[in-house]
Amino acid sequence: MTQKPMTKTQLVAALAEATDLDKASANRALEALTDIVTQTVAEGGAVTLPGLGKFACRARPERMVRNPSTGEQIQKPADRVAKVTIAKALKDVINA
């Protein structure tokens, strides 16, 4: 069941084949989509890709964490993290 993840080159080739585009156009489309999602999420917004999921940014509060090698407790400042929520349609396909 475990497979190697699809590389960008393989993804561009599959996208080009599925859309009847050349690989250069498919690569530009993939890079544009990546840039749009990255910029929107970095600005605090969210992007929903129908059938795949929702990409969003969420704030994490300041908290205490433990260094696993020394056991020392340290205060970690507040930060922001990317959050991906998988769409129900994708979950249904995976579990079918």
C-alpha atoms as a PDB file:
ATOM      1  CA  MET A   1       0.000   0.000   0.000  1.00  0.00           C
ATOM      2  CA  THR A   2       2.888   2.388   0.660  1.00  0.00           C
ATOM      3  CA  GLN A   3       4.120   4.020  -2.512  1.00  0.00           C
ATOM      4  CA  LYS A   4       6.663   6.676  -3.234  1.00  0.00           C
ATOM      5  CA  PRO A   5       5.041  10.107  -3.526  1.00  0.00           C
ATOM      6  CA  MET A   6       4.482  11.484  -7.000  1.00  0.00           C
ATOM      7  CA  THR A   7       7.254  13.880  -7.994  1.00  0.00           C
ATOM      8  CA  LYS A   8       6.640  17.303  -9.482  1.00  0.00           C
ATOM      9  CA  THR A   9       7.834  16.032 -12.871  1.00  0.00           C
ATOM     10  CA  GLN A  10       5.379  13.136 -12.755  1.00  0.00           C
ATOM     11  CA  LEU A  11       2.578  15.464 -11.629  1.00  0.00           C
ATOM     12  CA  VAL A  12       3.288  17.906 -14.476  1.00  0.00           C
ATOM     13  CA  ALA A  13       3.333  15.032 -16.986  1.00  0.00           C
ATOM     14  CA  ALA A  14       0.020  13.660 -15.675  1.00  0.00           C
ATOM     15  CA  LEU A  15      -1.533  17.139 -15.686  1.00  0.00           C
ATOM     16  CA  ALA A  16      -0.344  17.740 -19.251  1.00  0.00           C
ATOM     17  CA  GLU A  17      -1.776  14.425 -20.394  1.00  0.00           C
ATOM     18  CA  ALA A  18      -5.127  14.934 -18.629  1.00  0.00           C
ATOM     19  CA  THR A  19      -5.627  18.453 -20.016  1.00  0.00           C
ATOM     20  CA  ASP A  20      -4.051  18.069 -23.481  1.00  0.00           C
ATOM     21  CA  LEU A  21      -1.520  20.789 -22.647  1.00  0.00           C
ATOM     22  CA  ASP A  22       2.186  20.697 -23.306  1.00  0.00           C
ATOM     23  CA  LYS A  23       4.388  20.090 -20.261  1.00  0.00           C
ATOM     24  CA  ALA A  24       5.594  23.707 -20.138  1.00  0.00           C
ATOM     25  CA  SER A  25       2.022  25.023 -19.928  1.00  0.00           C
ATOM     26  CA  ALA A  26       1.087  22.413 -17.331  1.00  0.00           C
ATOM     27  CA  ASN A  27       4.147  23.373 -15.276  1.00  0.00           C
ATOM     28  CA  ARG A  28       3.202  27.080 -15.431  1.00  0.00           C
ATOM     29  CA  ALA A  29      -0.369  26.235 -14.363  1.00  0.00           C
ATOM     30  CA  LEU A  30       0.876  24.155 -11.424  1.00  0.00           C
ATOM     31  CA  GLU A  31       3.308  26.889 -10.336  1.00  0.00           C
ATOM     32  CA  ALA A  32       0.573  29.539 -10.619  1.00  0.00           C
ATOM     33  CA  LEU A  33      -1.777  27.436  -8.472  1.00  0.00           C
ATOM     34  CA  THR A  34       0.982  26.900  -5.905  1.00  0.00           C
ATOM     35  CA  ASP A  35       1.762  30.626  -5.808  1.00  0.00           C
ATOM     36  CA  ILE A  36      -1.906  31.589  -5.387  1.00  0.00           C
ATOM     37  CA  VAL A  37      -2.500  29.101  -2.557  1.00  0.00           C
ATOM     38  CA  THR A  38       0.775  30.047  -0.828  1.00  0.00           C
ATOM     39  CA  GLN A  39       0.131  33.789  -0.998  1.00  0.00           C
ATOM     40  CA  THR A  40      -3.491  33.523   0.144  1.00  0.00           C
ATOM     41  CA  VAL A  41      -2.716  31.245   3.093  1.00  0.00           C
ATOM     42  CA  ALA A  42       0.310  33.339   4.117  1.00  0.00           C
ATOM     43  CA  GLU A  43      -1.967  36.408   4.250  1.00  0.00           C
ATOM     44  CA  GLY A  44      -4.255  34.545   6.673  1.00  0.00           C
ATOM     45  CA  GLY A  45      -6.884  33.492   4.158  1.00  0.00           C
ATOM     46  CA  ALA A  46      -8.078  30.067   3.105  1.00  0.00           C
ATOM     47  CA  VAL A  47      -8.311  28.286  -0.249  1.00  0.00           C
ATOM     48  CA  THR A  48     -10.687  25.430  -0.996  1.00  0.00           C
ATOM     49  CA  LEU A  49      -9.784  23.066  -3.810  1.00  0.00           C
ATOM     50  CA  PRO A  50     -13.079  21.285  -4.552  1.00  0.00           C
ATOM     51  CA  GLY A  51     -12.760  17.535  -4.145  1.00  0.00           C
ATOM     52  CA  LEU A  52      -9.343  17.794  -2.459  1.00  0.00           C
ATOM     53  CA  GLY A  53      -9.569  19.946   0.629  1.00  0.00           C
ATOM     54  CA  LYS A  54      -9.134  23.311   2.261  1.00  0.00           C
ATOM     55  CA  PHE A  55      -5.808  25.028   2.948  1.00  0.00           C
ATOM     56  CA  ALA A  56      -5.818  27.585   5.747  1.00  0.00           C
ATOM     57  CA  CYS A  57      -3.559  29.320   8.225  1.00  0.00           C
ATOM     58  CA  ARG A  58      -4.220  29.127  11.935  1.00  0.00           C
ATOM     59  CA  ALA A  59      -2.595  30.815  14.906  1.00  0.00           C
ATOM     60  CA  ARG A  60      -1.045  28.739  17.684  1.00  0.00           C
ATOM     61  CA  PRO A  61      -0.802  30.354  21.117  1.00  0.00           C
ATOM     62  CA  GLU A  62       2.359  30.631  23.169  1.00  0.00           C
ATOM     63  CA  ARG A  63       2.973  27.334  24.971  1.00  0.00           C
ATOM     64  CA  MET A  64       5.382  25.269  27.033  1.00  0.00           C
ATOM     65  CA  VAL A  65       7.296  22.560  25.148  1.00  0.00           C
ATOM     66  CA  ARG A  66       9.850  19.984  26.253  1.00  0.00           C
ATOM     67  CA  ASN A  67      13.246  19.365  24.698  1.00  0.00           C
ATOM     68  CA  PRO A  68      13.186  15.562  24.177  1.00  0.00           C
ATOM     69  CA  SER A  69      16.944  15.118  24.590  1.00  0.00           C
ATOM     70  CA  THR A  70      17.346  17.125  27.830  1.00  0.00           C
ATOM     71  CA  GLY A  71      13.814  17.122  29.214  1.00  0.00           C
ATOM     72  CA  GLU A  72      14.074  20.893  29.723  1.00  0.00           C
ATOM     73  CA  GLN A  73      10.801  22.847  29.572  1.00  0.00           C
ATOM     74  CA  ILE A  74      10.949  25.991  27.452  1.00  0.00           C
ATOM     75  CA  GLN A  75       8.436  28.653  26.455  1.00  0.00           C
ATOM     76  CA  LYS A  76       7.658  28.573  22.721  1.00  0.00           C
ATOM     77  CA  PRO A  77       6.331  31.846  21.315  1.00  0.00           C
ATOM     78  CA  ALA A  78       3.045  32.086  19.443  1.00  0.00           C
ATOM     79  CA  ASP A  79       3.253  31.237  15.764  1.00  0.00           C
ATOM     80  CA  ARG A  80       1.142  30.418  12.732  1.00  0.00           C
ATOM     81  CA  VAL A  81       0.830  27.044  11.014  1.00  0.00           C
ATOM     82  CA  ALA A  82      -0.689  25.791   7.787  1.00  0.00           C
ATOM     83  CA  LYS A  83      -3.685  23.521   8.202  1.00  0.00           C
ATOM     84  CA  VAL A  84      -5.108  21.202   5.560  1.00  0.00           C
ATOM     85  CA  THR A  85      -8.593  19.769   5.929  1.00  0.00           C
ATOM     86  CA  ILE A  86      -9.247  16.877   3.562  1.00  0.00           C
ATOM     87  CA  ALA A  87     -12.500  17.020   1.584  1.00  0.00           C
ATOM     88  CA  LYS A  88     -15.185  14.406   2.205  1.00  0.00           C
ATOM     89  CA  ALA A  89     -15.131  13.424  -1.483  1.00  0.00           C
ATOM     90  CA  LEU A  90     -11.433  12.490  -1.230  1.00  0.00           C
ATOM     91  CA  LYS A  91     -11.991  10.597   2.024  1.00  0.00           C
ATOM     92  CA  ASP A  92     -14.818   8.619   0.373  1.00  0.00           C
ATOM     93  CA  VAL A  93     -12.624   7.685  -2.604  1.00  0.00           C
ATOM     94  CA  ILE A  94      -9.763   6.604  -0.332  1.00  0.00           C
ATOM     95  CA  ASN A  95     -12.022   4.461   1.869  1.00  0.00           C
ATOM     96  CA  ALA A  96     -14.033   2.916  -0.974  1.00  0.00           C
END
